[in-house]
PDB file of N, CA and C in Angstrom:
ATOM      1  N   MET A   1     -56.953  20.153  -9.645  1.00  0.00           N
ATOM      2  CA  MET A   1     -56.933  19.407 -10.878  1.00  0.00           C
ATOM      3  C   MET A   1     -56.933  17.917 -10.528  1.00  0.00           C
ATOM      4  N   VAL A   2     -57.783  17.168 -11.201  1.00  0.00           N
ATOM      5  CA  VAL A   2     -57.930  15.742 -10.927  1.00  0.00           C
ATOM      6  C   VAL A   2     -57.473  14.931 -12.138  1.00  0.00           C
ATOM      7  N   PHE A   3     -56.592  13.978 -11.879  1.00  0.00           N
ATOM      8  CA  PHE A   3     -56.136  13.040 -12.897  1.00  0.00           C
ATOM      9  C   PHE A   3     -56.507  11.634 -12.461  1.00  0.00           C
ATOM     10  N   ILE A   4     -56.474  10.703 -13.397  1.00  0.00           N
ATOM     11  CA  ILE A   4     -56.644   9.293 -13.063  1.00  0.00           C
ATOM     12  C   ILE A   4     -55.464   8.522 -13.649  1.00  0.00           C
ATOM     13  N   LYS A   5     -55.117   7.425 -12.967  1.00  0.00           N
ATOM     14  CA  LYS A   5     -53.955   6.664 -13.404  1.00  0.00           C
ATOM     15  C   LYS A   5     -54.042   5.243 -12.853  1.00  0.00           C
ATOM     16  N   ARG A   6     -53.610   4.290 -13.672  1.00  0.00           N
ATOM     17  CA  ARG A   6     -53.536   2.898 -13.205  1.00  0.00           C
ATOM     18  C   ARG A   6     -52.425   2.775 -12.178  1.00  0.00           C
ATOM     19  N   VAL A   7     -52.663   2.000 -11.166  1.00  0.00           N
ATOM     20  CA  VAL A   7     -51.667   1.775 -10.128  1.00  0.00           C
ATOM     21  C   VAL A   7     -50.434   1.078 -10.689  1.00  0.00           C
ATOM     22  N   TYR A   8     -50.600   0.370 -11.797  1.00  0.00           N
ATOM     23  CA  TYR A   8     -49.494  -0.366 -12.412  1.00  0.00           C
ATOM     24  C   TYR A   8     -48.602   0.524 -13.279  1.00  0.00           C
ATOM     25  N   ASP A   9     -49.051   1.748 -13.562  1.00  0.00           N
ATOM     26  CA  ASP A   9     -48.239   2.693 -14.319  1.00  0.00           C
ATOM     27  C   ASP A   9     -47.205   3.316 -13.388  1.00  0.00           C
ATOM     28  N   ASN A  10     -46.121   3.785 -13.959  1.00  0.00           N
ATOM     29  CA  ASN A  10     -45.051   4.371 -13.162  1.00  0.00           C
ATOM     30  C   ASN A  10     -45.510   5.619 -12.422  1.00  0.00           C
ATOM     31  N   PHE A  11     -45.066   5.744 -11.188  1.00  0.00           N
ATOM     32  CA  PHE A  11     -45.312   6.923 -10.371  1.00  0.00           C
ATOM     33  C   PHE A  11     -44.590   8.126 -10.985  1.00  0.00           C
ATOM     34  N   SER A  12     -45.203   9.287 -10.847  1.00  0.00           N
ATOM     35  CA  SER A  12     -44.575  10.525 -11.309  1.00  0.00           C
ATOM     36  C   SER A  12     -44.781  11.602 -10.249  1.00  0.00           C
ATOM     37  N   ASP A  13     -43.820  12.492 -10.126  1.00  0.00           N
ATOM     38  CA  ASP A  13     -43.981  13.622  -9.204  1.00  0.00           C
ATOM     39  C   ASP A  13     -45.164  14.500  -9.606  1.00  0.00           C
ATOM     40  N   ASN A  14     -45.535  14.448 -10.882  1.00  0.00           N
ATOM     41  CA  ASN A  14     -46.678  15.231 -11.375  1.00  0.00           C
ATOM     42  C   ASN A  14     -48.022  14.664 -10.917  1.00  0.00           C
ATOM     43  N   ASP A  15     -48.014  13.467 -10.322  1.00  0.00           N
ATOM     44  CA  ASP A  15     -49.261  12.853  -9.848  1.00  0.00           C
ATOM     45  C   ASP A  15     -49.862  13.629  -8.688  1.00  0.00           C
ATOM     46  N   GLY A  16     -49.058  14.369  -7.975  1.00  0.00           N
ATOM     47  CA  GLY A  16     -49.558  15.071  -6.800  1.00  0.00           C
ATOM     48  C   GLY A  16     -49.947  14.088  -5.717  1.00  0.00           C
ATOM     49  N   TYR A  17     -51.065  14.339  -5.076  1.00  0.00           N
ATOM     50  CA  TYR A  17     -51.572  13.511  -3.985  1.00  0.00           C
ATOM     51  C   TYR A  17     -52.309  12.316  -4.586  1.00  0.00           C
ATOM     52  N   ARG A  18     -51.857  11.112  -4.279  1.00  0.00           N
ATOM     53  CA  ARG A  18     -52.399   9.898  -4.907  1.00  0.00           C
ATOM     54  C   ARG A  18     -53.411   9.215  -3.980  1.00  0.00           C
ATOM     55  N   ILE A  19     -54.626   9.051  -4.507  1.00  0.00           N
ATOM     56  CA  ILE A  19     -55.703   8.418  -3.742  1.00  0.00           C
ATOM     57  C   ILE A  19     -56.121   7.137  -4.446  1.00  0.00           C
ATOM     58  N   LEU A  20     -55.943   6.008  -3.782  1.00  0.00           N
ATOM     59  CA  LEU A  20     -56.418   4.732  -4.319  1.00  0.00           C
ATOM     60  C   LEU A  20     -57.922   4.670  -4.092  1.00  0.00           C
ATOM     61  N   VAL A  21     -58.690   4.469  -5.171  1.00  0.00           N
ATOM     62  CA  VAL A  21     -60.152   4.514  -5.087  1.00  0.00           C
ATOM     63  C   VAL A  21     -60.787   3.149  -5.373  1.00  0.00           C
ATOM     64  N   ASP A  22     -60.036   2.087  -5.129  1.00  0.00           N
ATOM     65  CA  ASP A  22     -60.546   0.718  -5.286  1.00  0.00           C
ATOM     66  C   ASP A  22     -60.839   0.132  -3.916  1.00  0.00           C
ATOM     67  N   ARG A  23     -61.820  -0.746  -3.866  1.00  0.00           N
ATOM     68  CA  ARG A  23     -62.193  -1.404  -2.615  1.00  0.00           C
ATOM     69  C   ARG A  23     -61.146  -2.433  -2.191  1.00  0.00           C
ATOM     70  N   LEU A  24     -60.501  -3.062  -3.177  1.00  0.00           N
ATOM     71  CA  LEU A  24     -59.508  -4.097  -2.897  1.00  0.00           C
ATOM     72  C   LEU A  24     -58.122  -3.577  -3.261  1.00  0.00           C
ATOM     73  N   TRP A  25     -57.121  -3.993  -2.486  1.00  0.00           N
ATOM     74  CA  TRP A  25     -55.745  -3.597  -2.816  1.00  0.00           C
ATOM     75  C   TRP A  25     -55.343  -4.285  -4.116  1.00  0.00           C
ATOM     76  N   PRO A  26     -54.695  -3.584  -5.026  1.00  0.00           N
ATOM     77  CA  PRO A  26     -54.306  -4.156  -6.327  1.00  0.00           C
ATOM     78  C   PRO A  26     -53.332  -5.326  -6.169  1.00  0.00           C
ATOM     79  N   ARG A  27     -53.570  -6.368  -6.937  1.00  0.00           N
ATOM     80  CA  ARG A  27     -52.719  -7.555  -6.899  1.00  0.00           C
ATOM     81  C   ARG A  27     -51.308  -7.241  -7.367  1.00  0.00           C
ATOM     82  N   GLY A  28     -50.349  -7.807  -6.639  1.00  0.00           N
ATOM     83  CA  GLY A  28     -48.960  -7.747  -7.067  1.00  0.00           C
ATOM     84  C   GLY A  28     -48.280  -6.403  -6.917  1.00  0.00           C
ATOM     85  N   VAL A  29     -48.897  -5.467  -6.194  1.00  0.00           N
ATOM     86  CA  VAL A  29     -48.301  -4.141  -6.029  1.00  0.00           C
ATOM     87  C   VAL A  29     -48.036  -3.907  -4.536  1.00  0.00           C
ATOM     88  N   SER A  30     -46.783  -3.644  -4.216  1.00  0.00           N
ATOM     89  CA  SER A  30     -46.446  -3.352  -2.823  1.00  0.00           C
ATOM     90  C   SER A  30     -46.882  -1.929  -2.482  1.00  0.00           C
ATOM     91  N   LYS A  31     -47.064  -1.684  -1.204  1.00  0.00           N
ATOM     92  CA  LYS A  31     -47.432  -0.339  -0.772  1.00  0.00           C
ATOM     93  C   LYS A  31     -46.339   0.666  -1.113  1.00  0.00           C
ATOM     94  N   GLU A  32     -45.092   0.221  -1.060  1.00  0.00           N
ATOM     95  CA  GLU A  32     -43.981   1.118  -1.394  1.00  0.00           C
ATOM     96  C   GLU A  32     -44.016   1.507  -2.872  1.00  0.00           C
ATOM     97  N   LYS A  33     -44.264   0.526  -3.735  1.00  0.00           N
ATOM     98  CA  LYS A  33     -44.281   0.796  -5.181  1.00  0.00           C
ATOM     99  C   LYS A  33     -45.506   1.633  -5.582  1.00  0.00           C
ATOM    100  N   ALA A  34     -46.629   1.415  -4.911  1.00  0.00           N
ATOM    101  CA  ALA A  34     -47.867   2.127  -5.250  1.00  0.00           C
ATOM    102  C   ALA A  34     -47.793   3.614  -4.898  1.00  0.00           C
ATOM    103  N   LYS A  35     -47.037   3.945  -3.871  1.00  0.00           N
ATOM    104  CA  LYS A  35     -46.887   5.339  -3.433  1.00  0.00           C
ATOM    105  C   LYS A  35     -48.242   6.023  -3.258  1.00  0.00           C
ATOM    106  N   ILE A  36     -49.119   5.356  -2.521  1.00  0.00           N
ATOM    107  CA  ILE A  36     -50.460   5.875  -2.258  1.00  0.00           C
ATOM    108  C   ILE A  36     -50.428   6.765  -1.013  1.00  0.00           C
ATOM    109  N   ASP A  37     -51.006   7.953  -1.122  1.00  0.00           N
ATOM    110  CA  ASP A  37     -51.095   8.851   0.028  1.00  0.00           C
ATOM    111  C   ASP A  37     -52.323   8.540   0.875  1.00  0.00           C
ATOM    112  N   LEU A  38     -53.384   8.069   0.225  1.00  0.00           N
ATOM    113  CA  LEU A  38     -54.621   7.761   0.934  1.00  0.00           C
ATOM    114  C   LEU A  38     -55.334   6.644   0.199  1.00  0.00           C
ATOM    115  N   TRP A  39     -55.763   5.628   0.942  1.00  0.00           N
ATOM    116  CA  TRP A  39     -56.589   4.563   0.363  1.00  0.00           C
ATOM    117  C   TRP A  39     -58.008   4.819   0.819  1.00  0.00           C
ATOM    118  N   MET A  40     -58.850   5.259  -0.102  1.00  0.00           N
ATOM    119  CA  MET A  40     -60.228   5.593   0.215  1.00  0.00           C
ATOM    120  C   MET A  40     -61.146   4.509  -0.356  1.00  0.00           C
ATOM    121  N   LYS A  41     -61.081   3.318   0.241  1.00  0.00           N
ATOM    122  CA  LYS A  41     -61.871   2.202  -0.286  1.00  0.00           C
ATOM    123  C   LYS A  41     -63.368   2.416  -0.127  1.00  0.00           C
ATOM    124  N   GLU A  42     -63.773   3.279   0.812  1.00  0.00           N
ATOM    125  CA  GLU A  42     -65.203   3.517   1.035  1.00  0.00           C
ATOM    126  C   GLU A  42     -65.858   4.257  -0.137  1.00  0.00           C
ATOM    127  N   ILE A  43     -65.054   4.947  -0.948  1.00  0.00           N
ATOM    128  CA  ILE A  43     -65.598   5.689  -2.094  1.00  0.00           C
ATOM    129  C   ILE A  43     -65.802   4.773  -3.299  1.00  0.00           C
ATOM    130  N   ALA A  44     -65.231   3.597  -3.257  1.00  0.00           N
ATOM    131  CA  ALA A  44     -65.340   2.635  -4.369  1.00  0.00           C
ATOM    132  C   ALA A  44     -66.763   2.098  -4.465  1.00  0.00           C
ATOM    133  N   PRO A  45     -67.116   1.532  -5.612  1.00  0.00           N
ATOM    134  CA  PRO A  45     -68.435   0.902  -5.737  1.00  0.00           C
ATOM    135  C   PRO A  45     -68.594  -0.205  -4.693  1.00  0.00           C
ATOM    136  N   THR A  46     -69.828  -0.412  -4.274  1.00  0.00           N
ATOM    137  CA  THR A  46     -70.098  -1.488  -3.320  1.00  0.00           C
ATOM    138  C   THR A  46     -69.681  -2.824  -3.927  1.00  0.00           C
ATOM    139  N   ASN A  47     -69.476  -3.803  -3.071  1.00  0.00           N
ATOM    140  CA  ASN A  47     -69.110  -5.135  -3.565  1.00  0.00           C
ATOM    141  C   ASN A  47     -70.143  -5.668  -4.551  1.00  0.00           C
ATOM    142  N   ASN A  48     -71.432  -5.461  -4.247  1.00  0.00           N
ATOM    143  CA  ASN A  48     -72.479  -5.957  -5.148  1.00  0.00           C
ATOM    144  C   ASN A  48     -72.371  -5.320  -6.531  1.00  0.00           C
ATOM    145  N   LEU A  49     -72.185  -4.007  -6.573  1.00  0.00           N
ATOM    146  CA  LEU A  49     -72.087  -3.317  -7.860  1.00  0.00           C
ATOM    147  C   LEU A  49     -70.801  -3.712  -8.586  1.00  0.00           C
ATOM    148  N   ARG A  50     -69.714  -3.774  -7.851  1.00  0.00           N
ATOM    149  CA  ARG A  50     -68.428  -4.148  -8.436  1.00  0.00           C
ATOM    150  C   ARG A  50     -68.501  -5.539  -9.073  1.00  0.00           C
ATOM    151  N   LYS A  51     -69.089  -6.489  -8.353  1.00  0.00           N
ATOM    152  CA  LYS A  51     -69.191  -7.863  -8.867  1.00  0.00           C
ATOM    153  C   LYS A  51     -70.163  -7.930 -10.052  1.00  0.00           C
ATOM    154  N   TRP A  52     -71.261  -7.178  -9.965  1.00  0.00           N
ATOM    155  CA  TRP A  52     -72.240  -7.177 -11.062  1.00  0.00           C
ATOM    156  C   TRP A  52     -71.593  -6.633 -12.345  1.00  0.00           C
ATOM    157  N   PHE A  53     -70.873  -5.524 -12.233  1.00  0.00           N
ATOM    158  CA  PHE A  53     -70.245  -4.894 -13.401  1.00  0.00           C
ATOM    159  C   PHE A  53     -69.178  -5.801 -14.003  1.00  0.00           C
ATOM    160  N   SER A  54     -68.305  -6.296 -13.179  1.00  0.00           N
ATOM    161  CA  SER A  54     -67.263  -7.236 -13.591  1.00  0.00           C
ATOM    162  C   SER A  54     -66.532  -6.769 -14.859  1.00  0.00           C
ATOM    163  N   HIS A  55     -66.395  -5.465 -15.007  1.00  0.00           N
ATOM    164  CA  HIS A  55     -65.690  -4.846 -16.144  1.00  0.00           C
ATOM    165  C   HIS A  55     -66.227  -5.298 -17.502  1.00  0.00           C
ATOM    166  N   ASP A  56     -67.534  -5.515 -17.550  1.00  0.00           N
ATOM    167  CA  ASP A  56     -68.223  -5.891 -18.781  1.00  0.00           C
ATOM    168  C   ASP A  56     -68.583  -4.601 -19.529  1.00  0.00           C
ATOM    169  N   ALA A  57     -67.972  -4.376 -20.674  1.00  0.00           N
ATOM    170  CA  ALA A  57     -68.182  -3.142 -21.436  1.00  0.00           C
ATOM    171  C   ALA A  57     -69.657  -2.910 -21.766  1.00  0.00           C
ATOM    172  N   GLU A  58     -70.414  -3.977 -21.943  1.00  0.00           N
ATOM    173  CA  GLU A  58     -71.843  -3.830 -22.259  1.00  0.00           C
ATOM    174  C   GLU A  58     -72.643  -3.269 -21.086  1.00  0.00           C
ATOM    175  N   LYS A  59     -72.116  -3.382 -19.876  1.00  0.00           N
ATOM    176  CA  LYS A  59     -72.811  -2.885 -18.681  1.00  0.00           C
ATOM    177  C   LYS A  59     -72.335  -1.489 -18.275  1.00  0.00           C
ATOM    178  N   TRP A  60     -71.406  -0.917 -19.036  1.00  0.00           N
ATOM    179  CA  TRP A  60     -70.763   0.330 -18.649  1.00  0.00           C
ATOM    180  C   TRP A  60     -71.737   1.461 -18.373  1.00  0.00           C
ATOM    181  N   GLU A  61     -72.637   1.746 -19.292  1.00  0.00           N
ATOM    182  CA  GLU A  61     -73.553   2.884 -19.126  1.00  0.00           C
ATOM    183  C   GLU A  61     -74.420   2.719 -17.879  1.00  0.00           C
ATOM    184  N   LEU A  62     -74.925   1.519 -17.653  1.00  0.00           N
ATOM    185  CA  LEU A  62     -75.748   1.272 -16.465  1.00  0.00           C
ATOM    186  C   LEU A  62     -74.884   1.314 -15.200  1.00  0.00           C
ATOM    187  N   PHE A  63     -73.659   0.824 -15.280  1.00  0.00           N
ATOM    188  CA  PHE A  63     -72.741   0.899 -14.139  1.00  0.00           C
ATOM    189  C   PHE A  63     -72.533   2.359 -13.732  1.00  0.00           C
ATOM    190  N   LYS A  64     -72.295   3.225 -14.707  1.00  0.00           N
ATOM    191  CA  LYS A  64     -72.086   4.645 -14.422  1.00  0.00           C
ATOM    192  C   LYS A  64     -73.265   5.228 -13.645  1.00  0.00           C
ATOM    193  N   ILE A  65     -74.457   4.925 -14.108  1.00  0.00           N
ATOM    194  CA  ILE A  65     -75.670   5.436 -13.451  1.00  0.00           C
ATOM    195  C   ILE A  65     -75.759   4.915 -12.020  1.00  0.00           C
ATOM    196  N   LYS A  66     -75.557   3.615 -11.866  1.00  0.00           N
ATOM    197  CA  LYS A  66     -75.668   3.009 -10.534  1.00  0.00           C
ATOM    198  C   LYS A  66     -74.585   3.528  -9.590  1.00  0.00           C
ATOM    199  N   TYR A  67     -73.365   3.680 -10.088  1.00  0.00           N
ATOM    200  CA  TYR A  67     -72.292   4.168  -9.231  1.00  0.00           C
ATOM    201  C   TYR A  67     -72.525   5.631  -8.843  1.00  0.00           C
ATOM    202  N   MET A  68     -73.013   6.429  -9.781  1.00  0.00           N
ATOM    203  CA  MET A  68     -73.328   7.825  -9.455  1.00  0.00           C
ATOM    204  C   MET A  68     -74.399   7.900  -8.376  1.00  0.00           C
ATOM    205  N   GLU A  69     -75.350   6.981  -8.417  1.00  0.00           N
ATOM    206  CA  GLU A  69     -76.378   6.915  -7.364  1.00  0.00           C
ATOM    207  C   GLU A  69     -75.734   6.584  -6.022  1.00  0.00           C
ATOM    208  N   GLU A  70     -74.810   5.622  -6.023  1.00  0.00           N
ATOM    209  CA  GLU A  70     -74.115   5.280  -4.777  1.00  0.00           C
ATOM    210  C   GLU A  70     -73.330   6.474  -4.243  1.00  0.00           C
ATOM    211  N   LEU A  71     -72.722   7.233  -5.130  1.00  0.00           N
ATOM    212  CA  LEU A  71     -71.911   8.372  -4.708  1.00  0.00           C
ATOM    213  C   LEU A  71     -72.747   9.463  -4.043  1.00  0.00           C
ATOM    214  N   LYS A  72     -74.034   9.525  -4.343  1.00  0.00           N
ATOM    215  CA  LYS A  72     -74.911  10.502  -3.681  1.00  0.00           C
ATOM    216  C   LYS A  72     -74.983  10.244  -2.180  1.00  0.00           C
ATOM    217  N   GLU A  73     -74.746   8.996  -1.783  1.00  0.00           N
ATOM    218  CA  GLU A  73     -74.757   8.622  -0.366  1.00  0.00           C
ATOM    219  C   GLU A  73     -73.383   8.822   0.278  1.00  0.00           C
ATOM    220  N   LYS A  74     -72.411   9.259  -0.493  1.00  0.00           N
ATOM    221  CA  LYS A  74     -71.032   9.388  -0.002  1.00  0.00           C
ATOM    222  C   LYS A  74     -70.535  10.830  -0.108  1.00  0.00           C
ATOM    223  N   LEU A  75     -71.436  11.770   0.116  1.00  0.00           N
ATOM    224  CA  LEU A  75     -71.077  13.186  -0.018  1.00  0.00           C
ATOM    225  C   LEU A  75     -69.932  13.611   0.898  1.00  0.00           C
ATOM    226  N   PRO A  76     -69.866  13.119   2.144  1.00  0.00           N
ATOM    227  CA  PRO A  76     -68.724  13.516   2.986  1.00  0.00           C
ATOM    228  C   PRO A  76     -67.374  13.081   2.389  1.00  0.00           C
ATOM    229  N   LEU A  77     -67.336  11.926   1.746  1.00  0.00           N
ATOM    230  CA  LEU A  77     -66.098  11.460   1.118  1.00  0.00           C
ATOM    231  C   LEU A  77     -65.756  12.303  -0.101  1.00  0.00           C
ATOM    232  N   LEU A  78     -66.770  12.664  -0.878  1.00  0.00           N
ATOM    233  CA  LEU A  78     -66.536  13.537  -2.034  1.00  0.00           C
ATOM    234  C   LEU A  78     -66.000  14.892  -1.570  1.00  0.00           C
ATOM    235  N   LYS A  79     -66.571  15.407  -0.484  1.00  0.00           N
ATOM    236  CA  LYS A  79     -66.101  16.687   0.060  1.00  0.00           C
ATOM    237  C   LYS A  79     -64.664  16.570   0.560  1.00  0.00           C
ATOM    238  N   GLU A  80     -64.334  15.429   1.146  1.00  0.00           N
ATOM    239  CA  GLU A  80     -62.965  15.216   1.618  1.00  0.00           C
ATOM    240  C   GLU A  80     -61.974  15.243   0.447  1.00  0.00           C
ATOM    241  N   ILE A  81     -62.347  14.603  -0.656  1.00  0.00           N
ATOM    242  CA  ILE A  81     -61.471  14.613  -1.843  1.00  0.00           C
ATOM    243  C   ILE A  81     -61.333  16.033  -2.380  1.00  0.00           C
ATOM    244  N   LYS A  82     -62.441  16.767  -2.441  1.00  0.00           N
ATOM    245  CA  LYS A  82     -62.385  18.151  -2.930  1.00  0.00           C
ATOM    246  C   LYS A  82     -61.498  19.013  -2.026  1.00  0.00           C
ATOM    247  N   LYS A  83     -61.572  18.771  -0.729  1.00  0.00           N
ATOM    248  CA  LYS A  83     -60.738  19.519   0.214  1.00  0.00           C
ATOM    249  C   LYS A  83     -59.259  19.209  -0.026  1.00  0.00           C
ATOM    250  N   ILE A  84     -58.955  17.941  -0.239  1.00  0.00           N
ATOM    251  CA  ILE A  84     -57.577  17.549  -0.551  1.00  0.00           C
ATOM    252  C   ILE A  84     -57.129  18.222  -1.843  1.00  0.00           C
ATOM    253  N   GLU A  85     -58.005  18.211  -2.843  1.00  0.00           N
ATOM    254  CA  GLU A  85     -57.662  18.852  -4.124  1.00  0.00           C
ATOM    255  C   GLU A  85     -57.375  20.342  -3.916  1.00  0.00           C
ATOM    256  N   ASN A  86     -58.194  21.003  -3.114  1.00  0.00           N
ATOM    257  CA  ASN A  86     -57.987  22.438  -2.872  1.00  0.00           C
ATOM    258  C   ASN A  86     -56.653  22.695  -2.172  1.00  0.00           C
ATOM    259  N   ASN A  87     -56.272  21.805  -1.253  1.00  0.00           N
ATOM    260  CA  ASN A  87     -55.017  21.979  -0.519  1.00  0.00           C
ATOM    261  C   ASN A  87     -53.797  21.584  -1.342  1.00  0.00           C
ATOM    262  N   GLU A  88     -53.920  20.502  -2.100  1.00  0.00           N
ATOM    263  CA  GLU A  88     -52.775  19.934  -2.821  1.00  0.00           C
ATOM    264  C   GLU A  88     -52.650  20.446  -4.254  1.00  0.00           C
ATOM    265  N   LYS A  89     -53.736  20.968  -4.795  1.00  0.00           N
ATOM    266  CA  LYS A  89     -53.815  21.482  -6.171  1.00  0.00           C
ATOM    267  C   LYS A  89     -53.894  20.387  -7.229  1.00  0.00           C
ATOM    268  N   VAL A  90     -53.153  19.298  -7.064  1.00  0.00           N
ATOM    269  CA  VAL A  90     -53.201  18.182  -8.013  1.00  0.00           C
ATOM    270  C   VAL A  90     -53.411  16.893  -7.235  1.00  0.00           C
ATOM    271  N   ILE A  91     -54.436  16.139  -7.649  1.00  0.00           N
ATOM    272  CA  ILE A  91     -54.643  14.807  -7.082  1.00  0.00           C
ATOM    273  C   ILE A  91     -54.781  13.814  -8.235  1.00  0.00           C
ATOM    274  N   THR A  92     -54.389  12.590  -7.959  1.00  0.00           N
ATOM    275  CA  THR A  92     -54.552  11.522  -8.940  1.00  0.00           C
ATOM    276  C   THR A  92     -55.349  10.406  -8.303  1.00  0.00           C
ATOM    277  N   LEU A  93     -56.466  10.063  -8.935  1.00  0.00           N
ATOM    278  CA  LEU A  93     -57.278   8.928  -8.504  1.00  0.00           C
ATOM    279  C   LEU A  93     -56.645   7.683  -9.101  1.00  0.00           C
ATOM    280  N   VAL A  94     -56.215   6.794  -8.263  1.00  0.00           N
ATOM    281  CA  VAL A  94     -55.485   5.611  -8.695  1.00  0.00           C
ATOM    282  C   VAL A  94     -56.415   4.406  -8.641  1.00  0.00           C
ATOM    283  N   TYR A  95     -56.360   3.578  -9.686  1.00  0.00           N
ATOM    284  CA  TYR A  95     -57.217   2.402  -9.806  1.00  0.00           C
ATOM    285  C   TYR A  95     -56.419   1.257 -10.412  1.00  0.00           C
ATOM    286  N   ALA A  96     -56.989   0.044 -10.373  1.00  0.00           N
ATOM    287  CA  ALA A  96     -56.265  -1.126 -10.876  1.00  0.00           C
ATOM    288  C   ALA A  96     -56.841  -1.707 -12.167  1.00  0.00           C
ATOM    289  N   ALA A  97     -58.037  -1.351 -12.533  1.00  0.00           N
ATOM    290  CA  ALA A  97     -58.707  -1.963 -13.690  1.00  0.00           C
ATOM    291  C   ALA A  97     -57.862  -1.858 -14.962  1.00  0.00           C
ATOM    292  N   LYS A  98     -57.975  -2.864 -15.823  1.00  0.00           N
ATOM    293  CA  LYS A  98     -57.249  -2.868 -17.097  1.00  0.00           C
ATOM    294  C   LYS A  98     -57.821  -1.849 -18.072  1.00  0.00           C
ATOM    295  N   ASP A  99     -59.134  -1.700 -18.054  1.00  0.00           N
ATOM    296  CA  ASP A  99     -59.805  -0.798 -18.986  1.00  0.00           C
ATOM    297  C   ASP A  99     -59.659   0.643 -18.493  1.00  0.00           C
ATOM    298  N   GLU A 100     -58.874   1.420 -19.216  1.00  0.00           N
ATOM    299  CA  GLU A 100     -58.597   2.790 -18.799  1.00  0.00           C
ATOM    300  C   GLU A 100     -59.761   3.746 -19.042  1.00  0.00           C
ATOM    301  N   ASN A 101     -60.736   3.332 -19.826  1.00  0.00           N
ATOM    302  CA  ASN A 101     -61.862   4.205 -20.161  1.00  0.00           C
ATOM    303  C   ASN A 101     -63.142   3.859 -19.440  1.00  0.00           C
ATOM    304  N   ARG A 102     -63.221   2.665 -18.888  1.00  0.00           N
ATOM    305  CA  ARG A 102     -64.448   2.205 -18.226  1.00  0.00           C
ATOM    306  C   ARG A 102     -64.090   1.600 -16.869  1.00  0.00           C
ATOM    307  N   ASN A 103     -63.994   2.481 -15.877  1.00  0.00           N
ATOM    308  CA  ASN A 103     -63.712   2.038 -14.516  1.00  0.00           C
ATOM    309  C   ASN A 103     -64.257   3.076 -13.540  1.00  0.00           C
ATOM    310  N   ASN A 104     -64.279   2.727 -12.268  1.00  0.00           N
ATOM    311  CA  ASN A 104     -64.884   3.612 -11.275  1.00  0.00           C
ATOM    312  C   ASN A 104     -64.161   4.952 -11.142  1.00  0.00           C
ATOM    313  N   ALA A 105     -62.852   4.998 -11.371  1.00  0.00           N
ATOM    314  CA  ALA A 105     -62.117   6.261 -11.264  1.00  0.00           C
ATOM    315  C   ALA A 105     -62.589   7.261 -12.323  1.00  0.00           C
ATOM    316  N   VAL A 106     -62.932   6.773 -13.502  1.00  0.00           N
ATOM    317  CA  VAL A 106     -63.452   7.642 -14.564  1.00  0.00           C
ATOM    318  C   VAL A 106     -64.753   8.305 -14.106  1.00  0.00           C
ATOM    319  N   VAL A 107     -65.629   7.515 -13.527  1.00  0.00           N
ATOM    320  CA  VAL A 107     -66.915   8.038 -13.046  1.00  0.00           C
ATOM    321  C   VAL A 107     -66.688   9.017 -11.897  1.00  0.00           C
ATOM    322  N   LEU A 108     -65.842   8.631 -10.963  1.00  0.00           N
ATOM    323  CA  LEU A 108     -65.567   9.480  -9.810  1.00  0.00           C
ATOM    324  C   LEU A 108     -64.971  10.823 -10.242  1.00  0.00           C
ATOM    325  N   LYS A 109     -64.059  10.811 -11.180  1.00  0.00           N
ATOM    326  CA  LYS A 109     -63.470  12.053 -11.700  1.00  0.00           C
ATOM    327  C   LYS A 109     -64.557  12.936 -12.299  1.00  0.00           C
ATOM    328  N   GLU A 110     -65.440  12.328 -13.079  1.00  0.00           N
ATOM    329  CA  GLU A 110     -66.542  13.092 -13.690  1.00  0.00           C
ATOM    330  C   GLU A 110     -67.422  13.732 -12.627  1.00  0.00           C
ATOM    331  N   VAL A 111     -67.749  12.984 -11.594  1.00  0.00           N
ATOM    332  CA  VAL A 111     -68.587  13.513 -10.514  1.00  0.00           C
ATOM    333  C   VAL A 111     -67.862  14.646  -9.798  1.00  0.00           C
ATOM    334  N   LEU A 112     -66.603  14.467  -9.482  1.00  0.00           N
ATOM    335  CA  LEU A 112     -65.840  15.512  -8.798  1.00  0.00           C
ATOM    336  C   LEU A 112     -65.742  16.791  -9.622  1.00  0.00           C
ATOM    337  N   GLU A 113     -65.601  16.644 -10.923  1.00  0.00           N
ATOM    338  CA  GLU A 113     -65.467  17.818 -11.788  1.00  0.00           C
ATOM    339  C   GLU A 113     -66.778  18.558 -11.982  1.00  0.00           C
ATOM    340  N   THR A 114     -67.907  17.899 -11.752  1.00  0.00           N
ATOM    341  CA  THR A 114     -69.194  18.569 -11.865  1.00  0.00           C
ATOM    342  C   THR A 114     -69.629  19.171 -10.542  1.00  0.00           C
ATOM    343  N   LYS A 115     -68.952  18.825  -9.457  1.00  0.00           N
ATOM    344  CA  LYS A 115     -69.265  19.373  -8.125  1.00  0.00           C
ATOM    345  C   LYS A 115     -68.233  20.412  -7.741  1.00  0.00           C
ATOM    346  N   ASN A 116     -68.251  21.539  -8.429  1.00  0.00           N
ATOM    347  CA  ASN A 116     -67.296  22.604  -8.128  1.00  0.00           C
ATOM    348  C   ASN A 116     -67.597  23.113  -6.773  1.00  0.00           C
TER     349      ASN A 116
END
């Protein structure tokens, strides 16, 4: 089971295995407070895509398409996440973006759920 959660939200035992899926470490959050089990920055959007998107809601649909294309080149990382999910049963993709509905973790969760 895959969940997503902002790194700034309180940690819960129900989060299971927590994977930070951002390229940059979140501002103002210590490693102790974040309680991250794995930082998988390589699965995050490339710097070019991240900067282009800049959390602009008008670019969301195109961002999703472009990020999904990037993820096709990251199949070993997707398989690693699926393996963790199979072993841990519950994983939470952790991200820092303010927009809870339009961020890379949302796209990544969708891709993982379609790759049974």
